[in-house]
């Protein structure tokens, strides 16, 4: 049975380190201009850096993940989704897009954790 001991001040500081997760639209994307416009319409740039603190408020983390998902949905949009988006950001995404967006976020989070931020 493991006993939870209090964190030393050094361990507490390590847990409170900032991490950054960068979401970037590749300039080689064939739909770069359309996706860039959609991102800008939503108030984002083609390269967004999300700062995460391990001790952040759960509501803030939830909001950050929702923002990351919005950005990744646009980045992972295909030609059909972009066509039906028109000039307005999309409310509906295909299953493929949703899975790719979630997978992209998961990979970014795993990469950040493995590099110990």
PDB file of N, CA and C in Angstrom:
ATOM      1  N   UNK A   1       0.839  -1.172   0.000  1.00  0.00           N
ATOM      2  CA  UNK A   1       0.000   0.000   0.000  1.00  0.00           C
ATOM      3  C   UNK A   1       0.888   1.240   0.000  1.00  0.00           C
ATOM      4  N   UNK A   2       0.670   2.111  -0.975  1.00  0.00           N
ATOM      5  CA  UNK A   2       1.488   3.317  -1.086  1.00  0.00           C
ATOM      6  C   UNK A   2       0.990   4.373  -0.123  1.00  0.00           C
ATOM      7  N   UNK A   3       1.940   5.062   0.465  1.00  0.00           N
ATOM      8  CA  UNK A   3       1.610   6.150   1.383  1.00  0.00           C
ATOM      9  C   UNK A   3       1.929   7.460   0.685  1.00  0.00           C
ATOM     10  N   UNK A   4       0.956   8.356   0.655  1.00  0.00           N
ATOM     11  CA  UNK A   4       1.177   9.657   0.043  1.00  0.00           C
ATOM     12  C   UNK A   4       1.870  10.562   1.037  1.00  0.00           C
ATOM     13  N   UNK A   5       3.092  10.966   0.710  1.00  0.00           N
ATOM     14  CA  UNK A   5       3.821  11.865   1.586  1.00  0.00           C
ATOM     15  C   UNK A   5       3.707  13.277   1.036  1.00  0.00           C
ATOM     16  N   UNK A   6       3.839  14.266   1.891  1.00  0.00           N
ATOM     17  CA  UNK A   6       3.752  15.650   1.420  1.00  0.00           C
ATOM     18  C   UNK A   6       4.875  15.937   0.429  1.00  0.00           C
ATOM     19  N   UNK A   7       4.599  16.811  -0.518  1.00  0.00           N
ATOM     20  CA  UNK A   7       5.600  17.188  -1.498  1.00  0.00           C
ATOM     21  C   UNK A   7       6.621  18.134  -0.882  1.00  0.00           C
ATOM     22  N   UNK A   8       7.877  17.933  -1.230  1.00  0.00           N
ATOM     23  CA  UNK A   8       8.891  18.898  -0.810  1.00  0.00           C
ATOM     24  C   UNK A   8       8.668  20.172  -1.610  1.00  0.00           C
ATOM     25  N   UNK A   9       9.277  21.263  -1.188  1.00  0.00           N
ATOM     26  CA  UNK A   9       9.085  22.514  -1.914  1.00  0.00           C
ATOM     27  C   UNK A   9       9.635  22.396  -3.338  1.00  0.00           C
ATOM     28  N   UNK A  10      10.716  21.622  -3.518  1.00  0.00           N
ATOM     29  CA  UNK A  10      11.268  21.420  -4.856  1.00  0.00           C
ATOM     30  C   UNK A  10      10.272  20.650  -5.732  1.00  0.00           C
ATOM     31  N   UNK A  11       9.678  19.576  -5.183  1.00  0.00           N
ATOM     32  CA  UNK A  11       8.690  18.800  -5.935  1.00  0.00           C
ATOM     33  C   UNK A  11       7.470  19.642  -6.272  1.00  0.00           C
ATOM     34  N   UNK A  12       7.042  20.469  -5.349  1.00  0.00           N
ATOM     35  CA  UNK A  12       5.879  21.325  -5.588  1.00  0.00           C
ATOM     36  C   UNK A  12       6.175  22.307  -6.716  1.00  0.00           C
ATOM     37  N   UNK A  13       7.410  22.845  -6.740  1.00  0.00           N
ATOM     38  CA  UNK A  13       7.780  23.765  -7.806  1.00  0.00           C
ATOM     39  C   UNK A  13       7.804  23.043  -9.147  1.00  0.00           C
ATOM     40  N   UNK A  14       8.277  21.794  -9.162  1.00  0.00           N
ATOM     41  CA  UNK A  14       8.318  21.025 -10.398  1.00  0.00           C
ATOM     42  C   UNK A  14       6.907  20.795 -10.937  1.00  0.00           C
ATOM     43  N   UNK A  15       5.961  20.529 -10.047  1.00  0.00           N
ATOM     44  CA  UNK A  15       4.580  20.303 -10.477  1.00  0.00           C
ATOM     45  C   UNK A  15       3.939  21.568 -10.997  1.00  0.00           C
ATOM     46  N   UNK A  16       4.453  22.720 -10.586  1.00  0.00           N
ATOM     47  CA  UNK A  16       3.850  23.985 -10.968  1.00  0.00           C
ATOM     48  C   UNK A  16       4.505  24.597 -12.201  1.00  0.00           C
ATOM     49  N   UNK A  17       5.406  23.864 -12.846  1.00  0.00           N
ATOM     50  CA  UNK A  17       6.078  24.390 -14.028  1.00  0.00           C
ATOM     51  C   UNK A  17       5.068  24.629 -15.141  1.00  0.00           C
ATOM     52  N   UNK A  18       5.361  25.632 -15.946  1.00  0.00           N
ATOM     53  CA  UNK A  18       4.532  25.928 -17.097  1.00  0.00           C
ATOM     54  C   UNK A  18       4.903  25.015 -18.257  1.00  0.00           C
ATOM     55  N   UNK A  19       3.914  24.630 -19.010  1.00  0.00           N
ATOM     56  CA  UNK A  19       4.115  23.891 -20.239  1.00  0.00           C
ATOM     57  C   UNK A  19       3.458  24.694 -21.351  1.00  0.00           C
ATOM     58  N   UNK A  20       3.989  24.577 -22.521  1.00  0.00           N
ATOM     59  CA  UNK A  20       3.390  25.228 -23.673  1.00  0.00           C
ATOM     60  C   UNK A  20       3.077  24.174 -24.713  1.00  0.00           C
ATOM     61  N   UNK A  21       1.909  24.286 -25.269  1.00  0.00           N
ATOM     62  CA  UNK A  21       1.502  23.414 -26.359  1.00  0.00           C
ATOM     63  C   UNK A  21       1.252  24.324 -27.548  1.00  0.00           C
ATOM     64  N   UNK A  22       1.931  24.038 -28.642  1.00  0.00           N
ATOM     65  CA  UNK A  22       1.840  24.886 -29.825  1.00  0.00           C
ATOM     66  C   UNK A  22       1.015  24.185 -30.893  1.00  0.00           C
ATOM     67  N   UNK A  23      -0.003  24.874 -31.368  1.00  0.00           N
ATOM     68  CA  UNK A  23      -0.845  24.392 -32.459  1.00  0.00           C
ATOM     69  C   UNK A  23      -0.537  25.265 -33.666  1.00  0.00           C
ATOM     70  N   UNK A  24      -0.151  24.626 -34.765  1.00  0.00           N
ATOM     71  CA  UNK A  24       0.265  25.412 -35.923  1.00  0.00           C
ATOM     72  C   UNK A  24      -0.298  24.838 -37.208  1.00  0.00           C
ATOM     73  N   UNK A  25      -0.821  25.730 -38.030  1.00  0.00           N
ATOM     74  CA  UNK A  25      -1.304  25.367 -39.355  1.00  0.00           C
ATOM     75  C   UNK A  25      -0.106  25.383 -40.295  1.00  0.00           C
ATOM     76  N   UNK A  26       0.144  24.273 -40.932  1.00  0.00           N
ATOM     77  CA  UNK A  26       1.278  24.157 -41.845  1.00  0.00           C
ATOM     78  C   UNK A  26       1.053  25.027 -43.084  1.00  0.00           C
ATOM     79  N   UNK A  27       2.082  25.774 -43.461  1.00  0.00           N
ATOM     80  CA  UNK A  27       1.983  26.613 -44.653  1.00  0.00           C
ATOM     81  C   UNK A  27       1.909  25.780 -45.925  1.00  0.00           C
ATOM     82  N   UNK A  28       2.278  24.512 -45.835  1.00  0.00           N
ATOM     83  CA  UNK A  28       2.196  23.639 -47.000  1.00  0.00           C
ATOM     84  C   UNK A  28       0.815  22.999 -47.151  1.00  0.00           C
ATOM     85  N   UNK A  29      -0.093  23.299 -46.224  1.00  0.00           N
ATOM     86  CA  UNK A  29      -1.456  22.772 -46.315  1.00  0.00           C
ATOM     87  C   UNK A  29      -2.106  23.319 -47.590  1.00  0.00           C
ATOM     88  N   UNK A  30      -2.716  22.447 -48.412  1.00  0.00           N
ATOM     89  CA  UNK A  30      -3.319  22.928 -49.666  1.00  0.00           C
ATOM     90  C   UNK A  30      -4.471  23.911 -49.457  1.00  0.00           C
ATOM     91  N   UNK A  31      -5.034  23.941 -48.272  1.00  0.00           N
ATOM     92  CA  UNK A  31      -6.140  24.857 -47.977  1.00  0.00           C
ATOM     93  C   UNK A  31      -5.725  25.914 -46.953  1.00  0.00           C
ATOM     94  N   UNK A  32      -4.440  26.257 -46.973  1.00  0.00           N
ATOM     95  CA  UNK A  32      -3.872  27.170 -45.979  1.00  0.00           C
ATOM     96  C   UNK A  32      -4.660  28.483 -45.893  1.00  0.00           C
ATOM     97  N   UNK A  33      -4.923  29.128 -47.019  1.00  0.00           N
ATOM     98  CA  UNK A  33      -5.581  30.437 -47.002  1.00  0.00           C
ATOM     99  C   UNK A  33      -6.979  30.378 -46.396  1.00  0.00           C
ATOM    100  N   UNK A  34      -7.742  29.368 -46.781  1.00  0.00           N
ATOM    101  CA  UNK A  34      -9.110  29.215 -46.260  1.00  0.00           C
ATOM    102  C   UNK A  34      -9.087  28.933 -44.750  1.00  0.00           C
ATOM    103  N   UNK A  35      -8.194  28.027 -44.319  1.00  0.00           N
ATOM    104  CA  UNK A  35      -8.094  27.692 -42.899  1.00  0.00           C
ATOM    105  C   UNK A  35      -7.580  28.882 -42.097  1.00  0.00           C
ATOM    106  N   UNK A  36      -6.636  29.614 -42.666  1.00  0.00           N
ATOM    107  CA  UNK A  36      -6.110  30.810 -42.002  1.00  0.00           C
ATOM    108  C   UNK A  36      -7.233  31.816 -41.767  1.00  0.00           C
ATOM    109  N   UNK A  37      -8.069  32.017 -42.787  1.00  0.00           N
ATOM    110  CA  UNK A  37      -9.191  32.953 -42.647  1.00  0.00           C
ATOM    111  C   UNK A  37     -10.164  32.487 -41.565  1.00  0.00           C
ATOM    112  N   UNK A  38     -10.479  31.189 -41.543  1.00  0.00           N
ATOM    113  CA  UNK A  38     -11.382  30.663 -40.516  1.00  0.00           C
ATOM    114  C   UNK A  38     -10.782  30.847 -39.116  1.00  0.00           C
ATOM    115  N   UNK A  39      -9.492  30.565 -38.983  1.00  0.00           N
ATOM    116  CA  UNK A  39      -8.828  30.756 -37.685  1.00  0.00           C
ATOM    117  C   UNK A  39      -8.878  32.225 -37.268  1.00  0.00           C
ATOM    118  N   UNK A  40      -8.585  33.119 -38.204  1.00  0.00           N
ATOM    119  CA  UNK A  40      -8.607  34.544 -37.888  1.00  0.00           C
ATOM    120  C   UNK A  40     -10.012  35.016 -37.537  1.00  0.00           C
ATOM    121  N   UNK A  41     -11.015  34.490 -38.229  1.00  0.00           N
ATOM    122  CA  UNK A  41     -12.404  34.851 -37.924  1.00  0.00           C
ATOM    123  C   UNK A  41     -12.785  34.451 -36.501  1.00  0.00           C
ATOM    124  N   UNK A  42     -12.139  33.405 -35.987  1.00  0.00           N
ATOM    125  CA  UNK A  42     -12.418  32.954 -34.620  1.00  0.00           C
ATOM    126  C   UNK A  42     -11.480  33.599 -33.601  1.00  0.00           C
ATOM    127  N   UNK A  43     -10.588  34.473 -34.073  1.00  0.00           N
ATOM    128  CA  UNK A  43      -9.690  35.177 -33.173  1.00  0.00           C
ATOM    129  C   UNK A  43      -8.375  34.471 -32.912  1.00  0.00           C
ATOM    130  N   UNK A  44      -8.012  33.532 -33.780  1.00  0.00           N
ATOM    131  CA  UNK A  44      -6.771  32.774 -33.629  1.00  0.00           C
ATOM    132  C   UNK A  44      -5.822  33.114 -34.769  1.00  0.00           C
ATOM    133  N   UNK A  45      -4.553  32.801 -34.566  1.00  0.00           N
ATOM    134  CA  UNK A  45      -3.572  32.950 -35.638  1.00  0.00           C
ATOM    135  C   UNK A  45      -3.222  31.558 -36.152  1.00  0.00           C
ATOM    136  N   UNK A  46      -2.334  31.500 -37.125  1.00  0.00           N
ATOM    137  CA  UNK A  46      -1.952  30.200 -37.687  1.00  0.00           C
ATOM    138  C   UNK A  46      -1.003  29.450 -36.755  1.00  0.00           C
ATOM    139  N   UNK A  47      -0.506  30.132 -35.741  1.00  0.00           N
ATOM    140  CA  UNK A  47       0.338  29.485 -34.742  1.00  0.00           C
ATOM    141  C   UNK A  47      -0.103  29.989 -33.369  1.00  0.00           C
ATOM    142  N   UNK A  48      -0.685  29.090 -32.597  1.00  0.00           N
ATOM    143  CA  UNK A  48      -1.179  29.439 -31.265  1.00  0.00           C
ATOM    144  C   UNK A  48      -0.395  28.668 -30.217  1.00  0.00           C
ATOM    145  N   UNK A  49       0.020  29.359 -29.183  1.00  0.00           N
ATOM    146  CA  UNK A  49       0.728  28.732 -28.082  1.00  0.00           C
ATOM    147  C   UNK A  49      -0.168  28.772 -26.851  1.00  0.00           C
ATOM    148  N   UNK A  50      -0.480  27.598 -26.341  1.00  0.00           N
ATOM    149  CA  UNK A  50      -1.332  27.468 -25.163  1.00  0.00           C
ATOM    150  C   UNK A  50      -0.425  27.169 -23.971  1.00  0.00           C
ATOM    151  N   UNK A  51      -0.467  28.039 -22.972  1.00  0.00           N
ATOM    152  CA  UNK A  51       0.338  27.831 -21.771  1.00  0.00           C
ATOM    153  C   UNK A  51      -0.497  27.056 -20.755  1.00  0.00           C
ATOM    154  N   UNK A  52       0.082  25.996 -20.244  1.00  0.00           N
ATOM    155  CA  UNK A  52      -0.617  25.145 -19.283  1.00  0.00           C
ATOM    156  C   UNK A  52       0.233  25.052 -18.031  1.00  0.00           C
ATOM    157  N   UNK A  53      -0.412  25.281 -16.916  1.00  0.00           N
ATOM    158  CA  UNK A  53       0.257  25.119 -15.633  1.00  0.00           C
ATOM    159  C   UNK A  53      -0.366  23.895 -14.988  1.00  0.00           C
ATOM    160  N   UNK A  54       0.449  23.006 -14.506  1.00  0.00           N
ATOM    161  CA  UNK A  54      -0.067  21.744 -13.974  1.00  0.00           C
ATOM    162  C   UNK A  54      -1.021  21.947 -12.809  1.00  0.00           C
ATOM    163  N   UNK A  55      -0.886  23.045 -12.106  1.00  0.00           N
ATOM    164  CA  UNK A  55      -1.776  23.284 -10.974  1.00  0.00           C
ATOM    165  C   UNK A  55      -2.915  24.232 -11.340  1.00  0.00           C
ATOM    166  N   UNK A  56      -3.169  24.374 -12.639  1.00  0.00           N
ATOM    167  CA  UNK A  56      -4.213  25.288 -13.086  1.00  0.00           C
ATOM    168  C   UNK A  56      -5.597  24.847 -12.625  1.00  0.00           C
ATOM    169  N   UNK A  57      -6.468  25.816 -12.544  1.00  0.00           N
ATOM    170  CA  UNK A  57      -7.869  25.589 -12.208  1.00  0.00           C
ATOM    171  C   UNK A  57      -8.483  24.648 -13.252  1.00  0.00           C
ATOM    172  N   UNK A  58      -9.221  23.624 -12.840  1.00  0.00           N
ATOM    173  CA  UNK A  58      -9.826  22.683 -13.806  1.00  0.00           C
ATOM    174  C   UNK A  58     -10.698  23.373 -14.855  1.00  0.00           C
ATOM    175  N   UNK A  59     -11.376  24.454 -14.477  1.00  0.00           N
ATOM    176  CA  UNK A  59     -12.198  25.175 -15.454  1.00  0.00           C
ATOM    177  C   UNK A  59     -11.324  25.809 -16.533  1.00  0.00           C
ATOM    178  N   UNK A  60     -10.172  26.331 -16.126  1.00  0.00           N
ATOM    179  CA  UNK A  60      -9.252  26.935 -17.090  1.00  0.00           C
ATOM    180  C   UNK A  60      -8.705  25.871 -18.022  1.00  0.00           C
ATOM    181  N   UNK A  61      -8.367  24.708 -17.490  1.00  0.00           N
ATOM    182  CA  UNK A  61      -7.856  23.612 -18.315  1.00  0.00           C
ATOM    183  C   UNK A  61      -8.929  23.163 -19.298  1.00  0.00           C
ATOM    184  N   UNK A  62     -10.155  23.047 -18.837  1.00  0.00           N
ATOM    185  CA  UNK A  62     -11.260  22.646 -19.703  1.00  0.00           C
ATOM    186  C   UNK A  62     -11.455  23.653 -20.834  1.00  0.00           C
ATOM    187  N   UNK A  63     -11.406  24.930 -20.511  1.00  0.00           N
ATOM    188  CA  UNK A  63     -11.548  25.978 -21.519  1.00  0.00           C
ATOM    189  C   UNK A  63     -10.400  25.920 -22.520  1.00  0.00           C
ATOM    190  N   UNK A  64      -9.185  25.708 -22.025  1.00  0.00           N
ATOM    191  CA  UNK A  64      -8.016  25.608 -22.912  1.00  0.00           C
ATOM    192  C   UNK A  64      -8.150  24.434 -23.860  1.00  0.00           C
ATOM    193  N   UNK A  65      -8.620  23.297 -23.357  1.00  0.00           N
ATOM    194  CA  UNK A  65      -8.802  22.125 -24.215  1.00  0.00           C
ATOM    195  C   UNK A  65      -9.881  22.373 -25.270  1.00  0.00           C
ATOM    196  N   UNK A  66     -10.938  23.088 -24.908  1.00  0.00           N
ATOM    197  CA  UNK A  66     -11.985  23.411 -25.882  1.00  0.00           C
ATOM    198  C   UNK A  66     -11.436  24.309 -26.984  1.00  0.00           C
ATOM    199  N   UNK A  67     -10.590  25.273 -26.619  1.00  0.00           N
ATOM    200  CA  UNK A  67      -9.966  26.154 -27.603  1.00  0.00           C
ATOM    201  C   UNK A  67      -9.048  25.344 -28.514  1.00  0.00           C
ATOM    202  N   UNK A  68      -8.260  24.456 -27.913  1.00  0.00           N
ATOM    203  CA  UNK A  68      -7.366  23.611 -28.703  1.00  0.00           C
ATOM    204  C   UNK A  68      -8.172  22.762 -29.692  1.00  0.00           C
ATOM    205  N   UNK A  69      -9.303  22.255 -29.247  1.00  0.00           N
ATOM    206  CA  UNK A  69     -10.142  21.431 -30.112  1.00  0.00           C
ATOM    207  C   UNK A  69     -10.707  22.259 -31.270  1.00  0.00           C
ATOM    208  N   UNK A  70     -11.131  23.500 -31.004  1.00  0.00           N
ATOM    209  CA  UNK A  70     -11.633  24.370 -32.069  1.00  0.00           C
ATOM    210  C   UNK A  70     -10.559  24.603 -33.131  1.00  0.00           C
ATOM    211  N   UNK A  71      -9.339  24.878 -32.677  1.00  0.00           N
ATOM    212  CA  UNK A  71      -8.236  25.140 -33.600  1.00  0.00           C
ATOM    213  C   UNK A  71      -7.912  23.887 -34.399  1.00  0.00           C
ATOM    214  N   UNK A  72      -7.797  22.753 -33.725  1.00  0.00           N
ATOM    215  CA  UNK A  72      -7.456  21.500 -34.407  1.00  0.00           C
ATOM    216  C   UNK A  72      -8.548  21.069 -35.383  1.00  0.00           C
ATOM    217  N   UNK A  73      -9.800  21.364 -35.083  1.00  0.00           N
ATOM    218  CA  UNK A  73     -10.872  21.017 -36.021  1.00  0.00           C
ATOM    219  C   UNK A  73     -10.667  21.743 -37.343  1.00  0.00           C
ATOM    220  N   UNK A  74     -10.288  23.009 -37.277  1.00  0.00           N
ATOM    221  CA  UNK A  74     -10.049  23.768 -38.505  1.00  0.00           C
ATOM    222  C   UNK A  74      -8.807  23.246 -39.212  1.00  0.00           C
ATOM    223  N   UNK A  75      -7.737  23.023 -38.461  1.00  0.00           N
ATOM    224  CA  UNK A  75      -6.493  22.529 -39.050  1.00  0.00           C
ATOM    225  C   UNK A  75      -6.714  21.195 -39.756  1.00  0.00           C
ATOM    226  N   UNK A  76      -7.570  20.342 -39.206  1.00  0.00           N
ATOM    227  CA  UNK A  76      -7.807  19.014 -39.769  1.00  0.00           C
ATOM    228  C   UNK A  76      -8.964  18.960 -40.760  1.00  0.00           C
ATOM    229  N   UNK A  77      -9.537  20.105 -41.100  1.00  0.00           N
ATOM    230  CA  UNK A  77     -10.666  20.130 -42.036  1.00  0.00           C
ATOM    231  C   UNK A  77     -10.233  19.691 -43.429  1.00  0.00           C
ATOM    232  N   UNK A  78     -11.133  18.981 -44.087  1.00  0.00           N
ATOM    233  CA  UNK A  78     -10.864  18.591 -45.466  1.00  0.00           C
ATOM    234  C   UNK A  78     -11.615  19.533 -46.408  1.00  0.00           C
ATOM    235  N   UNK A  79     -11.493  19.287 -47.689  1.00  0.00           N
ATOM    236  CA  UNK A  79     -12.071  20.173 -48.692  1.00  0.00           C
ATOM    237  C   UNK A  79     -13.586  20.306 -48.553  1.00  0.00           C
ATOM    238  N   UNK A  80     -14.265  19.200 -48.288  1.00  0.00           N
ATOM    239  CA  UNK A  80     -15.723  19.224 -48.152  1.00  0.00           C
ATOM    240  C   UNK A  80     -16.150  20.052 -46.950  1.00  0.00           C
ATOM    241  N   UNK A  81     -15.497  19.852 -45.814  1.00  0.00           N
ATOM    242  CA  UNK A  81     -15.846  20.609 -44.610  1.00  0.00           C
ATOM    243  C   UNK A  81     -15.590  22.107 -44.816  1.00  0.00           C
ATOM    244  N   UNK A  82     -14.513  22.422 -45.498  1.00  0.00           N
ATOM    245  CA  UNK A  82     -14.209  23.827 -45.778  1.00  0.00           C
ATOM    246  C   UNK A  82     -15.223  24.431 -46.742  1.00  0.00           C
ATOM    247  N   UNK A  83     -15.668  23.653 -47.713  1.00  0.00           N
ATOM    248  CA  UNK A  83     -16.650  24.128 -48.682  1.00  0.00           C
ATOM    249  C   UNK A  83     -17.957  24.508 -47.983  1.00  0.00           C
ATOM    250  N   UNK A  84     -18.428  23.625 -47.093  1.00  0.00           N
ATOM    251  CA  UNK A  84     -19.691  23.882 -46.420  1.00  0.00           C
ATOM    252  C   UNK A  84     -19.569  24.896 -45.289  1.00  0.00           C
ATOM    253  N   UNK A  85     -18.348  25.222 -44.899  1.00  0.00           N
ATOM    254  CA  UNK A  85     -18.150  26.208 -43.840  1.00  0.00           C
ATOM    255  C   UNK A  85     -18.512  27.606 -44.322  1.00  0.00           C
ATOM    256  N   UNK A  86     -18.326  27.864 -45.606  1.00  0.00           N
ATOM    257  CA  UNK A  86     -18.585  29.198 -46.119  1.00  0.00           C
ATOM    258  C   UNK A  86     -17.678  30.204 -45.424  1.00  0.00           C
ATOM    259  N   UNK A  87     -18.234  31.348 -45.091  1.00  0.00           N
ATOM    260  CA  UNK A  87     -17.456  32.380 -44.413  1.00  0.00           C
ATOM    261  C   UNK A  87     -17.595  32.303 -42.902  1.00  0.00           C
ATOM    262  N   UNK A  88     -18.397  31.391 -42.431  1.00  0.00           N
ATOM    263  CA  UNK A  88     -18.626  31.262 -40.992  1.00  0.00           C
ATOM    264  C   UNK A  88     -17.875  30.051 -40.444  1.00  0.00           C
ATOM    265  N   UNK A  89     -17.346  30.158 -39.211  1.00  0.00           N
ATOM    266  CA  UNK A  89     -16.725  28.973 -38.591  1.00  0.00           C
ATOM    267  C   UNK A  89     -17.748  27.845 -38.486  1.00  0.00           C
ATOM    268  N   UNK A  90     -17.262  26.649 -38.634  1.00  0.00           N
ATOM    269  CA  UNK A  90     -18.142  25.484 -38.674  1.00  0.00           C
ATOM    270  C   UNK A  90     -18.656  25.098 -37.293  1.00  0.00           C
ATOM    271  N   UNK A  91     -19.884  24.648 -37.254  1.00  0.00           N
ATOM    272  CA  UNK A  91     -20.455  24.114 -36.024  1.00  0.00           C
ATOM    273  C   UNK A  91     -20.455  22.594 -36.044  1.00  0.00           C
ATOM    274  N   UNK A  92     -20.471  22.015 -37.231  1.00  0.00           N
ATOM    275  CA  UNK A  92     -20.535  20.568 -37.354  1.00  0.00           C
ATOM    276  C   UNK A  92     -19.285  20.056 -38.065  1.00  0.00           C
ATOM    277  N   UNK A  93     -18.744  18.985 -37.536  1.00  0.00           N
ATOM    278  CA  UNK A  93     -17.559  18.381 -38.115  1.00  0.00           C
ATOM    279  C   UNK A  93     -17.823  16.902 -38.310  1.00  0.00           C
ATOM    280  N   UNK A  94     -17.161  16.325 -39.290  1.00  0.00           N
ATOM    281  CA  UNK A  94     -17.302  14.900 -39.534  1.00  0.00           C
ATOM    282  C   UNK A  94     -16.583  14.097 -38.473  1.00  0.00           C
ATOM    283  N   UNK A  95     -16.905  12.815 -38.423  1.00  0.00           N
ATOM    284  CA  UNK A  95     -16.282  11.921 -37.444  1.00  0.00           C
ATOM    285  C   UNK A  95     -14.775  11.841 -37.654  1.00  0.00           C
ATOM    286  N   UNK A  96     -14.345  11.799 -38.920  1.00  0.00           N
ATOM    287  CA  UNK A  96     -12.924  11.746 -39.214  1.00  0.00           C
ATOM    288  C   UNK A  96     -12.209  12.970 -38.636  1.00  0.00           C
ATOM    289  N   UNK A  97     -12.793  14.138 -38.859  1.00  0.00           N
ATOM    290  CA  UNK A  97     -12.192  15.375 -38.368  1.00  0.00           C
ATOM    291  C   UNK A  97     -12.094  15.368 -36.852  1.00  0.00           C
ATOM    292  N   UNK A  98     -13.169  14.983 -36.213  1.00  0.00           N
ATOM    293  CA  UNK A  98     -13.192  14.987 -34.746  1.00  0.00           C
ATOM    294  C   UNK A  98     -12.127  14.059 -34.172  1.00  0.00           C
ATOM    295  N   UNK A  99     -12.010  12.859 -34.749  1.00  0.00           N
ATOM    296  CA  UNK A  99     -11.000  11.912 -34.277  1.00  0.00           C
ATOM    297  C   UNK A  99      -9.585  12.422 -34.536  1.00  0.00           C
ATOM    298  N   UNK A 100      -9.354  13.006 -35.701  1.00  0.00           N
ATOM    299  CA  UNK A 100      -8.027  13.534 -36.009  1.00  0.00           C
ATOM    300  C   UNK A 100      -7.684  14.708 -35.086  1.00  0.00           C
ATOM    301  N   UNK A 101      -8.658  15.563 -34.812  1.00  0.00           N
ATOM    302  CA  UNK A 101      -8.416  16.701 -33.924  1.00  0.00           C
ATOM    303  C   UNK A 101      -8.083  16.217 -32.511  1.00  0.00           C
ATOM    304  N   UNK A 102      -8.862  15.279 -32.008  1.00  0.00           N
ATOM    305  CA  UNK A 102      -8.600  14.743 -30.667  1.00  0.00           C
ATOM    306  C   UNK A 102      -7.262  14.012 -30.609  1.00  0.00           C
ATOM    307  N   UNK A 103      -6.950  13.255 -31.658  1.00  0.00           N
ATOM    308  CA  UNK A 103      -5.679  12.542 -31.703  1.00  0.00           C
ATOM    309  C   UNK A 103      -4.503  13.524 -31.740  1.00  0.00           C
ATOM    310  N   UNK A 104      -4.634  14.590 -32.495  1.00  0.00           N
ATOM    311  CA  UNK A 104      -3.574  15.603 -32.561  1.00  0.00           C
ATOM    312  C   UNK A 104      -3.315  16.209 -31.184  1.00  0.00           C
ATOM    313  N   UNK A 105      -4.382  16.530 -30.475  1.00  0.00           N
ATOM    314  CA  UNK A 105      -4.244  17.102 -29.131  1.00  0.00           C
ATOM    315  C   UNK A 105      -3.598  16.088 -28.194  1.00  0.00           C
ATOM    316  N   UNK A 106      -4.045  14.850 -28.271  1.00  0.00           N
ATOM    317  CA  UNK A 106      -3.465  13.798 -27.425  1.00  0.00           C
ATOM    318  C   UNK A 106      -1.968  13.657 -27.682  1.00  0.00           C
ATOM    319  N   UNK A 107      -1.564  13.658 -28.945  1.00  0.00           N
ATOM    320  CA  UNK A 107      -0.151  13.552 -29.276  1.00  0.00           C
ATOM    321  C   UNK A 107       0.641  14.745 -28.748  1.00  0.00           C
ATOM    322  N   UNK A 108       0.074  15.946 -28.850  1.00  0.00           N
ATOM    323  CA  UNK A 108       0.754  17.140 -28.337  1.00  0.00           C
ATOM    324  C   UNK A 108       0.916  17.083 -26.824  1.00  0.00           C
ATOM    325  N   UNK A 109      -0.139  16.635 -26.141  1.00  0.00           N
ATOM    326  CA  UNK A 109      -0.081  16.537 -24.682  1.00  0.00           C
ATOM    327  C   UNK A 109       0.933  15.474 -24.266  1.00  0.00           C
ATOM    328  N   UNK A 110       0.901  14.313 -24.924  1.00  0.00           N
ATOM    329  CA  UNK A 110       1.858  13.251 -24.605  1.00  0.00           C
ATOM    330  C   UNK A 110       3.285  13.713 -24.860  1.00  0.00           C
ATOM    331  N   UNK A 111       3.485  14.416 -25.942  1.00  0.00           N
ATOM    332  CA  UNK A 111       4.819  14.924 -26.276  1.00  0.00           C
ATOM    333  C   UNK A 111       5.291  15.921 -25.221  1.00  0.00           C
ATOM    334  N   UNK A 112       4.402  16.791 -24.784  1.00  0.00           N
ATOM    335  CA  UNK A 112       4.756  17.776 -23.752  1.00  0.00           C
ATOM    336  C   UNK A 112       5.085  17.096 -22.437  1.00  0.00           C
ATOM    337  N   UNK A 113       4.304  16.082 -22.088  1.00  0.00           N
ATOM    338  CA  UNK A 113       4.555  15.367 -20.833  1.00  0.00           C
ATOM    339  C   UNK A 113       5.837  14.561 -20.887  1.00  0.00           C
ATOM    340  N   UNK A 114       6.110  13.926 -22.027  1.00  0.00           N
ATOM    341  CA  UNK A 114       7.312  13.108 -22.123  1.00  0.00           C
ATOM    342  C   UNK A 114       8.580  13.952 -22.123  1.00  0.00           C
ATOM    343  N   UNK A 115       8.468  15.197 -22.612  1.00  0.00           N
ATOM    344  CA  UNK A 115       9.635  16.073 -22.587  1.00  0.00           C
ATOM    345  C   UNK A 115       9.738  16.807 -21.247  1.00  0.00           C
ATOM    346  N   UNK A 116       8.835  16.472 -20.339  1.00  0.00           N
ATOM    347  CA  UNK A 116       8.798  17.047 -18.983  1.00  0.00           C
ATOM    348  C   UNK A 116       8.670  18.554 -18.991  1.00  0.00           C
ATOM    349  N   UNK A 117       8.111  19.081 -20.060  1.00  0.00           N
ATOM    350  CA  UNK A 117       7.859  20.523 -20.160  1.00  0.00           C
ATOM    351  C   UNK A 117       9.012  21.335 -19.618  1.00  0.00           C
TER     352      UNK A 117
END
